[in-house]
Amino acid sequence: MRRPQGIRRRTFLAGTAAGAAVAATAAAPARAAAPTAGAPQARTTAGRVRGEHLGAVEVFRGVPYAQPPVGPLRFSSPRPPRPWDGVRDATAFAAPSLQSVLPGSSEDSLYANVWTPSTSGSRPVLVYIHGGGWMLGAGSMPTYDGARLAERGDLVVVTFNYRLGVFGFGLHEDLADQRTGFAANWGLQDQAALLGWVYRNARAFGGDPENITVAGTSAGGSSTWQLALLPELRSVIRRIVPISAAHVWSPGVALTPEDSRTAFASVAARLGTSVAGLRDVPAATLRDTWDALFAGAPESRALASGREYRGPVVDGHWMRGYDYELPDPGLPVLAVNAATEGSFFTGPGSPVPMQLPSSDAELPEAVRNYLLKGAAEVPAGLPDRLITAYRAAAVAEGRAADPLSLFTEIYGDGLFRYQIVRLAERRARENASAQYRMEFAHPVRAPYFGTPHEATSPFLFGTNAIPENAAEFGDGPLERLVSDTFIDLVSSFAHNSVPASPNAPALPAFSPATASTLVLGGPEVARLASTPKAAQLRAWDQAGWVPAPV
């Protein structure tokens, strides 16, 4: 859900239906690549690209993995990129997908970025899916620079853009693609198409197509889970690393199919056209009209679902159900959460305007308003019961028990921690394939506090020291050691499904009954612990607000 760094908090495989629905028949325009002595090249399935050397790695930016979804292709399934002649320049990032935050965003955004130690060899591929609440972000954001991760981890690292907001997530049958029949979740379709592109092109960048790991944070972490459930990707994805996954459920973070149909019909009516006619509406107008439907407090809107975010809609294919009611993906998993997810929302520069509680008297109303993000009605007494449980747990565990700290923990645990941990526990009970758990707990610097949602990304990518990150995340010897350890854990998992680092104790498979959660960060760097905040999670079991896995 993170707002892009630098705009601090303002913010398939060939043969699948979507990926192979249409053959590319015409040469696509390409940026001419100026001759550069020794510049690395790669031959993709659509044509050759020329990148550049960046220290110990080679980087290719803005490589098309699908045709631009513009004009009649708006709301279409992604089409394979058109081939080009000659060598295409791949030294500049493409525009972010159309959104309201990052400047220069565009519908023409379906491009990938690749960092590799060498275009020769056969090393694991790590595909990273950016977050942003399914409506913001880009794979080109500086925090996601893959150079350090690729070099230290000996990985091919891939980031990319996918369609966002109204262009990427929703459902309406009048928008059905005539070639594939799909009428929903275009952003998820893009992600699946990207994975197909990676499978077909991994060798060109020195990668092993049979060893692809998918990682992502927040909305991107959620996507790793949904993609791993798709039958057409079972032979593509080897393992997943969902980080601070915003697991999908309604009404909190997804529209119901019925509400999605109503939303598209309402937008069309406001713009004086039909739902199918939305393909012809100026992109910015469509974006702004859609966003206006969800302005203001959730209880004031015409639609009862999608109250906080509007991620994938249950459509029977790309999303067969909500995460908590679907089976486990059945792949090796390294599941990660941040220690204080909520402080991203309650700390300085919060992306969510709200009145933060400064006294015990204000705390119940703040909690009630928060609970309205996931329910049309809040039972009498529920805010007080949660507050009582959290205060008792804070005192017992030596945590801060002031109103803002309690509210922060309630906020983050309800939206993120609860389902992350309960899904991991369900998997452990079912004896599924290898699963590991990690809690990232390196504290940020004042005036930020705790370990906020998506504080993980700067340390995974080793970009905590770049100018826009250093003030919050730091760049001392300890921060560099924590980052190196995080990279070791994820890259070793990508190599052989077992996370390991010389700076961390051996991590056993997750078992709720043992000290099998790796806590990363702080002066100890890494330690094993029993599942943190067990008492607080029991309070959510009793609250019945966020659905428990079945």
Protein backbone atom coordinates (compact mmCIF):
# COMPACT_ATOMS: atom_id res chain seq x y z
CA MET A 1 0.00 0.00 0.00
CA ARG A 2 3.04 2.20 0.20
CA ARG A 3 3.12 5.59 -1.40
CA PRO A 4 6.10 5.90 -3.74
CA GLN A 5 9.43 6.76 -2.21
CA GLY A 6 10.42 10.27 -3.20
CA ILE A 7 6.77 11.33 -3.10
CA ARG A 8 6.69 10.35 0.48
CA ARG A 9 3.30 8.84 1.34
CA ARG A 10 1.30 11.06 -1.06
CA THR A 11 1.08 8.72 -2.34
CA PHE A 12 2.33 -16.05 -18.98
CA LEU A 13 3.66 -18.48 -20.40
CA ALA A 14 3.21 -19.06 -24.22
CA GLY A 15 -0.01 -20.94 -24.85
CA THR A 16 -2.07 -19.40 -22.08
CA ALA A 17 -5.25 -17.71 -23.14
CA ALA A 18 -4.17 -14.17 -22.32
CA GLY A 19 -0.58 -14.46 -23.38
CA ALA A 20 -1.09 -16.22 -26.71
CA ALA A 21 -4.45 -14.90 -27.79
CA VAL A 22 -3.04 -12.81 -30.59
CA ALA A 23 0.12 -13.19 -32.65
CA ALA A 24 2.29 -10.17 -33.24
CA THR A 25 2.29 -9.43 -36.95
CA ALA A 26 3.61 -5.91 -37.36
CA ALA A 27 6.89 -4.33 -36.43
CA ALA A 28 6.55 -2.04 -33.41
CA PRO A 29 8.31 1.30 -33.29
CA ALA A 30 11.41 1.18 -31.13
CA ARG A 31 13.83 3.71 -29.75
CA ALA A 32 16.96 3.57 -31.85
CA ALA A 33 19.94 2.46 -29.83
CA ALA A 34 22.99 4.63 -30.34
CA PRO A 35 26.16 2.58 -30.82
CA THR A 36 27.84 2.04 -27.47
CA ALA A 37 31.10 0.13 -27.35
CA GLY A 38 30.80 -2.90 -25.10
CA ALA A 39 27.22 -2.21 -24.07
CA PRO A 40 25.41 -5.44 -23.13
CA GLN A 41 22.80 -6.83 -25.50
CA ALA A 42 20.10 -9.45 -25.15
CA ARG A 43 17.91 -11.11 -27.76
CA THR A 44 14.30 -11.25 -26.56
CA THR A 45 11.47 -13.02 -28.35
CA ALA A 46 10.43 -9.69 -29.87
CA GLY A 47 13.89 -8.38 -30.81
CA ARG A 48 17.30 -7.34 -29.56
CA VAL A 49 17.77 -4.80 -26.78
CA ARG A 50 20.85 -2.89 -25.67
CA GLY A 51 21.32 -1.97 -22.05
CA GLU A 52 24.24 -0.63 -20.09
CA HIS A 53 26.82 -1.64 -17.52
CA LEU A 54 26.14 -0.44 -13.99
CA GLY A 55 29.05 -1.32 -11.76
CA ALA A 56 29.13 -5.10 -11.43
CA VAL A 57 25.80 -5.66 -13.14
CA GLU A 58 24.15 -5.11 -16.50
CA VAL A 59 20.80 -3.35 -16.60
CA PHE A 60 18.07 -3.23 -19.23
CA ARG A 61 15.27 -0.75 -18.67
CA GLY A 62 11.94 -0.23 -20.41
CA VAL A 63 11.79 -3.57 -22.24
CA PRO A 64 8.24 -4.18 -23.57
CA TYR A 65 6.59 -7.35 -22.31
CA ALA A 66 3.18 -6.56 -23.83
CA GLN A 67 1.62 -4.16 -26.32
CA PRO A 68 0.47 -0.79 -25.00
CA PRO A 69 -3.08 -1.27 -23.66
CA VAL A 70 -4.40 1.88 -25.30
CA GLY A 71 -7.31 2.73 -27.57
CA PRO A 72 -9.25 -0.43 -28.40
CA LEU A 73 -6.84 -2.43 -26.18
CA ARG A 74 -7.92 -0.58 -23.03
CA PHE A 75 -9.52 -3.25 -20.79
CA SER A 76 -8.15 -5.98 -23.08
CA SER A 77 -6.10 -8.96 -22.04
CA PRO A 78 -2.40 -8.15 -22.57
CA ARG A 79 -1.11 -8.87 -26.08
CA PRO A 80 2.47 -10.04 -26.73
CA PRO A 81 4.83 -7.21 -27.73
CA ARG A 82 5.15 -6.51 -31.44
CA PRO A 83 8.56 -7.42 -32.84
CA TRP A 84 10.99 -4.71 -33.85
CA ASP A 85 13.89 -4.53 -36.27
CA GLY A 86 17.43 -3.69 -35.27
CA VAL A 87 18.48 -3.12 -31.66
CA ARG A 88 16.14 -1.32 -29.29
CA ASP A 89 17.54 1.08 -26.73
CA ALA A 90 16.89 -0.20 -23.21
CA THR A 91 18.66 2.37 -21.06
CA ALA A 92 15.68 4.45 -19.89
CA PHE A 93 12.73 3.53 -17.72
CA ALA A 94 9.27 3.62 -19.27
CA ALA A 95 6.48 5.75 -17.84
CA PRO A 96 4.70 4.53 -14.70
CA SER A 97 1.21 3.14 -15.19
CA LEU A 98 -1.46 5.84 -15.18
CA GLN A 99 -2.17 7.08 -11.67
CA SER A 100 -2.69 10.25 -9.70
CA VAL A 101 0.70 10.44 -7.95
CA LEU A 102 3.81 9.70 -10.01
CA PRO A 103 4.44 12.35 -12.68
CA GLY A 104 4.54 11.36 -16.32
CA SER A 105 2.35 8.30 -15.81
CA SER A 106 0.72 6.80 -18.89
CA GLU A 107 -1.48 3.97 -20.13
CA ASP A 108 1.50 2.95 -22.28
CA SER A 109 3.41 1.41 -19.40
CA LEU A 110 3.75 -2.38 -19.79
CA TYR A 111 7.52 -2.59 -19.65
CA ALA A 112 10.05 -4.59 -17.62
CA ASN A 113 13.42 -3.74 -16.11
CA VAL A 114 16.18 -6.33 -15.70
CA TRP A 115 19.35 -6.31 -13.60
CA THR A 116 21.75 -9.22 -14.11
CA PRO A 117 25.36 -10.00 -13.15
CA SER A 118 25.81 -11.23 -16.73
CA THR A 119 23.71 -12.16 -19.75
CA SER A 120 25.62 -15.45 -19.79
CA GLY A 121 25.01 -18.21 -17.27
CA SER A 122 21.86 -19.64 -15.72
CA ARG A 123 21.04 -18.09 -12.36
CA PRO A 124 17.78 -17.83 -10.42
CA VAL A 125 15.30 -15.12 -11.45
CA LEU A 126 13.59 -12.96 -8.86
CA VAL A 127 10.51 -11.11 -10.15
CA TYR A 128 9.43 -8.31 -7.84
CA ILE A 129 5.89 -6.85 -7.89
CA HIS A 130 5.61 -3.33 -6.51
CA GLY A 131 2.86 -2.32 -4.10
CA GLY A 132 0.77 0.82 -3.90
CA GLY A 133 -2.76 -0.27 -3.02
CA TRP A 134 -3.42 -1.47 -6.60
CA MET A 135 -3.55 2.20 -7.66
CA LEU A 136 -0.04 3.67 -7.27
CA GLY A 137 3.62 2.87 -7.80
CA ALA A 138 6.03 1.69 -10.48
CA GLY A 139 8.81 -0.82 -10.93
CA SER A 140 11.12 2.07 -11.81
CA MET A 141 10.97 3.78 -8.42
CA PRO A 142 14.51 4.34 -7.05
CA THR A 143 13.87 2.16 -4.01
CA TYR A 144 13.46 -0.83 -6.35
CA ASP A 145 16.82 -0.44 -8.09
CA GLY A 146 17.85 -4.10 -8.47
CA ALA A 147 21.62 -3.63 -8.79
CA ARG A 148 22.65 -4.49 -5.22
CA LEU A 149 20.17 -7.38 -4.94
CA ALA A 150 21.33 -8.84 -8.27
CA GLU A 151 25.03 -8.54 -7.41
CA ARG A 152 25.07 -9.82 -3.83
CA GLY A 153 22.36 -12.42 -4.44
CA ASP A 154 23.70 -13.61 -7.84
CA LEU A 155 20.21 -13.19 -9.24
CA VAL A 156 18.48 -11.88 -12.32
CA VAL A 157 16.15 -9.26 -10.83
CA VAL A 158 13.06 -8.13 -12.74
CA THR A 159 10.74 -5.25 -11.89
CA PHE A 160 7.87 -4.01 -14.06
CA ASN A 161 4.70 -1.96 -14.31
CA TYR A 162 1.15 -3.27 -14.47
CA ARG A 163 -2.18 -1.53 -14.97
CA LEU A 164 -3.54 0.23 -11.88
CA GLY A 165 -6.80 1.64 -10.58
CA VAL A 166 -9.78 1.60 -12.91
CA PHE A 167 -7.56 0.38 -15.76
CA GLY A 168 -6.24 -2.57 -13.77
CA PHE A 169 -8.74 -3.84 -11.22
CA GLY A 170 -12.48 -4.29 -11.58
CA LEU A 171 -15.05 -6.39 -13.40
CA HIS A 172 -17.76 -5.74 -15.94
CA GLU A 173 -18.98 -8.13 -18.63
CA ASP A 174 -19.45 -5.29 -21.13
CA LEU A 175 -15.66 -4.96 -21.10
CA ALA A 176 -15.05 -8.59 -22.10
CA ASP A 177 -12.07 -9.13 -24.39
CA GLN A 178 -13.41 -10.57 -27.66
CA ARG A 179 -10.34 -12.81 -28.02
CA THR A 180 -10.02 -14.21 -24.50
CA GLY A 181 -13.45 -13.58 -22.93
CA PHE A 182 -11.88 -12.09 -19.80
CA ALA A 183 -13.60 -9.02 -18.36
CA ALA A 184 -11.77 -8.34 -15.11
CA ASN A 185 -8.52 -7.83 -13.23
CA TRP A 186 -6.41 -6.51 -16.09
CA GLY A 187 -3.54 -5.73 -13.73
CA LEU A 188 -3.37 -9.36 -12.60
CA GLN A 189 -3.48 -10.40 -16.26
CA ASP A 190 -0.52 -8.09 -16.87
CA GLN A 191 1.42 -9.71 -14.04
CA ALA A 192 0.72 -13.17 -15.46
CA ALA A 193 1.79 -12.00 -18.92
CA LEU A 194 5.01 -10.61 -17.45
CA LEU A 195 5.79 -13.97 -15.85
CA GLY A 196 5.23 -15.66 -19.22
CA TRP A 197 7.58 -13.14 -20.81
CA VAL A 198 10.21 -13.82 -18.14
CA TYR A 199 9.89 -17.59 -18.66
CA ARG A 200 10.42 -17.22 -22.41
CA ASN A 201 13.23 -14.66 -22.13
CA ALA A 202 15.12 -15.55 -18.95
CA ARG A 203 18.02 -17.19 -20.80
CA ALA A 204 18.61 -14.01 -22.82
CA PHE A 205 19.48 -12.23 -19.55
CA GLY A 206 21.52 -15.02 -17.95
CA GLY A 207 18.58 -16.48 -16.03
CA ASP A 208 17.17 -19.97 -15.50
CA PRO A 209 13.52 -20.15 -16.68
CA GLU A 210 13.01 -23.21 -14.49
CA ASN A 211 13.92 -21.29 -11.33
CA ILE A 212 11.66 -18.24 -11.01
CA THR A 213 10.77 -16.79 -7.61
CA VAL A 214 8.05 -14.15 -7.33
CA ALA A 215 8.28 -11.58 -4.55
CA GLY A 216 6.28 -8.47 -3.80
CA THR A 217 5.23 -6.11 -1.06
CA SER A 218 1.79 -5.03 0.12
CA ALA A 219 -0.53 -5.22 -2.91
CA GLY A 220 2.44 -6.84 -4.68
CA GLY A 221 2.75 -9.37 -1.87
CA SER A 222 -0.90 -10.19 -2.28
CA SER A 223 -0.32 -10.66 -6.01
CA THR A 224 2.37 -13.29 -5.42
CA TRP A 225 -0.25 -15.37 -3.62
CA GLN A 226 -2.93 -15.02 -6.31
CA LEU A 227 -0.53 -15.71 -9.18
CA ALA A 228 0.74 -18.86 -7.47
CA LEU A 229 -2.83 -20.19 -7.45
CA LEU A 230 -3.27 -19.90 -11.24
CA PRO A 231 -3.08 -23.29 -13.03
CA GLU A 232 -1.42 -21.71 -16.09
CA LEU A 233 1.47 -20.50 -13.95
CA ARG A 234 2.10 -23.69 -11.97
CA SER A 235 5.01 -24.61 -14.24
CA VAL A 236 6.44 -21.08 -14.13
CA ILE A 237 6.56 -20.04 -10.46
CA ARG A 238 8.92 -22.09 -8.31
CA ARG A 239 8.39 -20.25 -5.00
CA ILE A 240 7.01 -16.99 -3.58
CA VAL A 241 8.06 -14.29 -1.11
CA PRO A 242 4.94 -12.35 -0.03
CA ILE A 243 6.03 -9.36 2.05
CA SER A 244 3.47 -7.48 4.15
CA ALA A 245 0.83 -9.00 1.89
CA ALA A 246 -2.47 -7.14 1.78
CA HIS A 247 -4.49 -10.33 1.50
CA VAL A 248 -7.68 -9.69 -0.44
CA TRP A 249 -11.06 -9.65 1.26
CA SER A 250 -14.25 -7.67 0.93
CA PRO A 251 -15.51 -5.15 1.88
CA GLY A 252 -12.16 -3.96 3.20
CA VAL A 253 -9.77 -4.17 0.24
CA ALA A 254 -11.88 -5.31 -2.73
CA LEU A 255 -15.11 -4.50 -4.50
CA THR A 256 -17.70 -7.24 -4.75
CA PRO A 257 -18.54 -8.22 -8.36
CA GLU A 258 -21.90 -6.51 -7.98
CA ASP A 259 -20.39 -3.28 -6.69
CA SER A 260 -17.79 -3.34 -9.45
CA ARG A 261 -20.53 -3.59 -12.09
CA THR A 262 -22.35 -0.73 -10.41
CA ALA A 263 -19.19 1.38 -10.25
CA PHE A 264 -18.46 1.01 -13.98
CA ALA A 265 -22.09 1.74 -14.86
CA SER A 266 -22.08 4.82 -12.63
CA VAL A 267 -18.87 6.16 -14.15
CA ALA A 268 -20.24 5.59 -17.65
CA ALA A 269 -23.45 7.43 -16.79
CA ARG A 270 -21.53 10.38 -15.35
CA LEU A 271 -19.49 10.58 -18.54
CA GLY A 272 -22.47 10.24 -20.85
CA THR A 273 -21.44 6.94 -22.42
CA SER A 274 -21.89 3.19 -22.10
CA VAL A 275 -19.62 0.89 -20.13
CA ALA A 276 -18.11 -0.36 -23.41
CA GLY A 277 -17.71 3.29 -24.43
CA LEU A 278 -15.30 3.85 -21.54
CA ARG A 279 -12.56 2.65 -23.91
CA ASP A 280 -12.92 5.97 -25.74
CA VAL A 281 -12.95 8.33 -22.74
CA PRO A 282 -9.77 10.38 -22.18
CA ALA A 283 -7.64 8.41 -19.74
CA ALA A 284 -7.24 11.13 -17.11
CA THR A 285 -10.98 11.83 -17.14
CA LEU A 286 -11.76 8.16 -16.59
CA ARG A 287 -9.22 7.91 -13.80
CA ASP A 288 -10.51 10.98 -11.99
CA THR A 289 -14.18 10.05 -12.33
CA TRP A 290 -13.49 6.57 -10.96
CA ASP A 291 -11.48 7.92 -8.06
CA ALA A 292 -14.27 10.38 -7.21
CA LEU A 293 -16.62 7.44 -6.52
CA PHE A 294 -14.43 6.47 -3.60
CA ALA A 295 -13.70 9.86 -2.11
CA GLY A 296 -14.67 10.65 1.46
CA ALA A 297 -15.37 8.33 4.36
CA PRO A 298 -16.49 4.80 3.41
CA GLU A 299 -19.82 5.20 5.17
CA SER A 300 -20.69 8.19 2.98
CA ARG A 301 -20.31 6.36 -0.35
CA ALA A 302 -22.93 4.73 -2.54
CA LEU A 303 -20.93 1.48 -2.71
CA ALA A 304 -20.51 -0.64 0.40
CA SER A 305 -17.34 -2.53 -0.62
CA GLY A 306 -13.87 -1.43 -1.60
CA ARG A 307 -13.88 0.61 1.56
CA GLU A 308 -10.13 1.03 1.97
CA TYR A 309 -8.59 -0.35 -1.25
CA ARG A 310 -9.91 -1.82 -4.50
CA GLY A 311 -7.80 -4.82 -5.40
CA PRO A 312 -8.70 -7.87 -7.50
CA VAL A 313 -12.39 -8.68 -7.89
CA VAL A 314 -13.61 -12.28 -7.69
CA ASP A 315 -14.20 -13.22 -11.34
CA GLY A 316 -13.93 -17.01 -11.36
CA HIS A 317 -10.56 -17.19 -13.14
CA TRP A 318 -7.93 -14.62 -12.19
CA MET A 319 -9.45 -14.40 -8.73
CA ARG A 320 -11.48 -17.49 -7.82
CA GLY A 321 -12.20 -16.34 -4.29
CA TYR A 322 -10.77 -14.33 -1.43
CA ASP A 323 -7.41 -15.36 -0.05
CA TYR A 324 -8.73 -16.59 3.29
CA GLU A 325 -11.20 -19.05 1.66
CA LEU A 326 -8.93 -20.41 -1.09
CA PRO A 327 -6.45 -23.29 -0.72
CA ASP A 328 -2.79 -22.69 -0.05
CA PRO A 329 -0.66 -22.14 -3.18
CA GLY A 330 1.31 -25.27 -2.33
CA LEU A 331 4.73 -23.79 -3.22
CA PRO A 332 7.66 -23.00 -0.93
CA VAL A 333 6.89 -19.71 0.81
CA LEU A 334 8.95 -17.16 2.70
CA ALA A 335 6.30 -14.95 4.31
CA VAL A 336 7.39 -11.63 5.79
CA ASN A 337 5.69 -8.88 7.75
CA ALA A 338 6.92 -5.66 9.31
CA ALA A 339 6.91 -5.36 13.07
CA THR A 340 4.81 -2.19 13.14
CA GLU A 341 2.84 -2.17 9.88
CA GLY A 342 0.52 0.52 11.19
CA SER A 343 3.13 3.22 11.80
CA PHE A 344 3.27 3.81 8.05
CA PHE A 345 -0.29 5.10 8.38
CA THR A 346 -0.05 6.86 11.74
CA GLY A 347 3.47 8.30 11.47
CA PRO A 348 4.61 11.53 9.81
CA GLY A 349 3.26 12.04 6.29
CA SER A 350 0.53 9.41 6.53
CA PRO A 351 -1.18 8.69 3.18
CA VAL A 352 -4.52 8.40 4.98
CA PRO A 353 -5.86 11.66 6.45
CA MET A 354 -7.30 10.95 9.88
CA GLN A 355 -7.62 12.34 13.35
CA LEU A 356 -5.05 10.51 15.44
CA PRO A 357 -5.91 9.88 19.10
CA SER A 358 -3.96 11.93 21.59
CA SER A 359 -5.85 10.79 24.70
CA ASP A 360 -7.62 7.71 26.04
CA ALA A 361 -10.90 9.55 25.56
CA GLU A 362 -10.27 9.89 21.79
CA LEU A 363 -9.04 6.33 21.24
CA PRO A 364 -12.39 4.46 20.99
CA GLU A 365 -13.70 6.78 18.26
CA ALA A 366 -10.45 6.50 16.32
CA VAL A 367 -10.66 2.70 16.48
CA ARG A 368 -14.32 2.77 15.46
CA ASN A 369 -13.53 4.92 12.42
CA TYR A 370 -10.75 2.51 11.51
CA LEU A 371 -13.08 -0.49 11.78
CA LEU A 372 -15.47 1.21 9.36
CA LYS A 373 -12.80 0.66 6.70
CA GLY A 374 -13.73 -3.03 6.76
CA ALA A 375 -17.37 -3.15 7.83
CA ALA A 376 -20.52 -1.15 7.20
CA GLU A 377 -21.39 -1.34 10.90
CA VAL A 378 -19.25 -1.67 14.01
CA PRO A 379 -20.81 -3.64 16.89
CA ALA A 380 -21.21 -1.68 20.09
CA GLY A 381 -18.34 -2.29 22.44
CA LEU A 382 -15.94 -3.75 19.84
CA PRO A 383 -13.53 -0.78 19.87
CA ASP A 384 -13.33 -0.91 23.66
CA ARG A 385 -12.73 -4.68 23.66
CA LEU A 386 -9.87 -4.34 21.19
CA ILE A 387 -8.35 -1.47 23.16
CA THR A 388 -8.54 -3.43 26.41
CA ALA A 389 -6.91 -6.49 24.84
CA TYR A 390 -4.14 -4.45 23.20
CA ARG A 391 -3.40 -2.47 26.35
CA ALA A 392 -3.14 -5.63 28.45
CA ALA A 393 -0.84 -7.25 25.87
CA ALA A 394 1.31 -4.12 25.64
CA VAL A 395 1.81 -4.01 29.40
CA ALA A 396 2.59 -7.75 29.55
CA GLU A 397 5.11 -7.52 26.68
CA GLY A 398 6.73 -4.23 27.66
CA ARG A 399 5.36 -2.38 24.65
CA ALA A 400 4.23 1.25 24.65
CA ALA A 401 0.63 1.59 25.80
CA ASP A 402 -0.11 5.23 24.98
CA PRO A 403 -3.17 5.91 22.75
CA LEU A 404 -1.22 6.49 19.54
CA SER A 405 0.86 3.33 19.98
CA LEU A 406 -2.21 1.20 20.68
CA PHE A 407 -4.04 2.65 17.68
CA THR A 408 -0.99 2.07 15.48
CA GLU A 409 -0.75 -1.60 16.46
CA ILE A 410 -4.50 -2.15 15.95
CA TYR A 411 -4.34 -0.50 12.53
CA GLY A 412 -1.46 -2.58 11.20
CA ASP A 413 -2.47 -5.89 12.71
CA GLY A 414 -6.00 -5.78 11.35
CA LEU A 415 -5.06 -4.90 7.79
CA PHE A 416 -1.88 -6.98 7.50
CA ARG A 417 -0.47 -9.11 10.34
CA TYR A 418 -3.62 -11.08 11.22
CA GLN A 419 -4.19 -12.81 7.88
CA ILE A 420 -0.45 -13.16 7.17
CA VAL A 421 0.09 -15.12 10.38
CA ARG A 422 -3.18 -17.06 10.36
CA LEU A 423 -2.62 -18.19 6.75
CA ALA A 424 0.89 -19.33 7.72
CA GLU A 425 -0.51 -21.26 10.68
CA ARG A 426 -3.13 -22.94 8.45
CA ARG A 427 -0.40 -23.99 6.05
CA ALA A 428 1.67 -25.43 8.90
CA ARG A 429 -1.32 -27.48 10.10
CA GLU A 430 -1.87 -28.83 6.59
CA ASN A 431 1.79 -29.88 6.27
CA ALA A 432 2.15 -28.15 2.93
CA SER A 433 5.54 -27.70 1.28
CA ALA A 434 8.33 -25.77 2.97
CA GLN A 435 7.30 -22.51 4.62
CA TYR A 436 9.39 -19.95 6.46
CA ARG A 437 8.35 -16.88 8.47
CA MET A 438 10.17 -13.64 9.04
CA GLU A 439 9.35 -10.45 10.90
CA PHE A 440 11.30 -7.40 9.79
CA ALA A 441 11.88 -5.32 12.88
CA HIS A 442 14.63 -2.81 12.16
CA PRO A 443 13.49 0.52 13.66
CA VAL A 444 13.28 3.65 11.55
CA ARG A 445 14.67 6.99 12.64
CA ALA A 446 12.74 9.72 14.42
CA PRO A 447 10.36 11.38 13.82
CA TYR A 448 9.23 8.15 12.11
CA PHE A 449 8.69 5.31 14.54
CA GLY A 450 8.46 1.55 14.77
CA THR A 451 9.10 -0.55 11.66
CA PRO A 452 6.45 0.70 9.24
CA HIS A 453 4.67 -1.07 6.43
CA GLU A 454 7.09 -1.46 3.50
CA ALA A 455 10.12 -0.45 5.49
CA THR A 456 11.29 -3.80 4.10
CA SER A 457 11.89 -2.62 0.51
CA PRO A 458 14.88 -0.29 1.06
CA PHE A 459 16.68 -3.08 2.92
CA LEU A 460 15.79 -5.87 0.48
CA PHE A 461 17.07 -3.80 -2.44
CA GLY A 462 19.95 -2.21 -0.53
CA THR A 463 18.63 1.26 -1.30
CA ASN A 464 18.20 2.43 2.29
CA ALA A 465 21.11 4.85 1.76
CA ILE A 466 19.82 6.70 -1.30
CA PRO A 467 19.02 10.37 -0.57
CA GLU A 468 15.26 9.95 -0.40
CA ASN A 469 15.51 7.01 2.04
CA ALA A 470 18.48 7.67 4.29
CA ALA A 471 16.79 10.09 6.70
CA GLU A 472 14.15 7.53 7.60
CA PHE A 473 15.99 4.23 7.27
CA GLY A 474 19.60 5.13 7.99
CA ASP A 475 22.95 4.14 6.45
CA GLY A 476 25.17 3.06 9.29
CA PRO A 477 27.12 -0.19 9.61
CA LEU A 478 24.16 -1.88 11.31
CA GLU A 479 21.77 -0.88 8.51
CA ARG A 480 24.19 -2.21 5.89
CA LEU A 481 24.49 -5.50 7.82
CA VAL A 482 20.71 -5.82 8.13
CA SER A 483 20.31 -5.16 4.40
CA ASP A 484 23.00 -7.71 3.49
CA THR A 485 21.31 -10.28 5.73
CA PHE A 486 17.90 -9.65 4.18
CA ILE A 487 19.37 -10.02 0.69
CA ASP A 488 21.12 -13.24 1.75
CA LEU A 489 17.92 -14.73 3.14
CA VAL A 490 15.80 -13.96 0.09
CA SER A 491 18.46 -14.81 -2.49
CA SER A 492 19.32 -18.15 -0.88
CA PHE A 493 15.62 -18.96 -0.81
CA ALA A 494 15.50 -18.11 -4.53
CA HIS A 495 18.47 -20.39 -5.16
CA ASN A 496 17.36 -23.48 -3.25
CA SER A 497 14.14 -22.82 -1.25
CA VAL A 498 15.99 -22.47 2.07
CA PRO A 499 16.60 -18.97 3.47
CA ALA A 500 20.03 -18.63 5.05
CA SER A 501 22.67 -16.03 5.89
CA PRO A 502 25.98 -16.16 7.75
CA ASN A 503 24.59 -13.31 9.85
CA ALA A 504 21.46 -15.20 10.98
CA PRO A 505 20.69 -18.39 12.88
CA ALA A 506 19.52 -21.39 10.88
CA LEU A 507 15.83 -20.86 10.17
CA PRO A 508 13.62 -23.91 10.66
CA ALA A 509 10.38 -24.45 8.79
CA PHE A 510 7.62 -22.46 10.45
CA SER A 511 5.74 -24.16 13.25
CA PRO A 512 3.41 -22.16 15.49
CA ALA A 513 4.45 -24.24 18.50
CA THR A 514 8.17 -23.44 18.28
CA ALA A 515 10.52 -20.47 18.06
CA SER A 516 10.53 -20.50 14.24
CA THR A 517 9.98 -16.87 13.27
CA LEU A 518 13.16 -15.06 12.28
CA VAL A 519 13.12 -11.52 13.65
CA LEU A 520 15.43 -9.39 11.52
CA GLY A 521 16.72 -6.00 12.62
CA GLY A 522 18.01 -4.14 15.60
CA PRO A 523 21.33 -4.61 17.44
CA GLU A 524 21.03 -8.43 17.46
CA VAL A 525 20.59 -8.34 13.66
CA ALA A 526 18.69 -11.65 13.60
CA ARG A 527 17.16 -13.97 16.18
CA LEU A 528 14.56 -16.73 16.40
CA ALA A 529 11.32 -16.12 18.29
CA SER A 530 7.92 -17.61 18.87
CA THR A 531 5.11 -16.00 16.87
CA PRO A 532 5.10 -12.33 17.94
CA LYS A 533 1.92 -10.72 19.27
CA ALA A 534 -0.03 -13.95 19.75
CA ALA A 535 -2.32 -12.32 22.33
CA GLN A 536 -3.19 -9.44 20.02
CA LEU A 537 -4.04 -11.86 17.20
CA ARG A 538 -6.43 -13.72 19.53
CA ALA A 539 -8.26 -10.42 20.02
CA TRP A 540 -8.91 -10.32 16.24
CA ASP A 541 -10.14 -13.93 16.35
CA GLN A 542 -12.80 -12.80 18.79
CA ALA A 543 -13.57 -9.55 16.95
CA GLY A 544 -14.61 -11.29 13.72
CA TRP A 545 -13.80 -8.13 11.74
CA VAL A 546 -11.16 -9.45 9.37
CA PRO A 547 -12.01 -12.93 8.00
CA ALA A 548 -10.09 -15.86 9.43
CA PRO A 549 -8.68 -18.44 7.00
CA VAL A 550 -10.91 -21.49 6.59
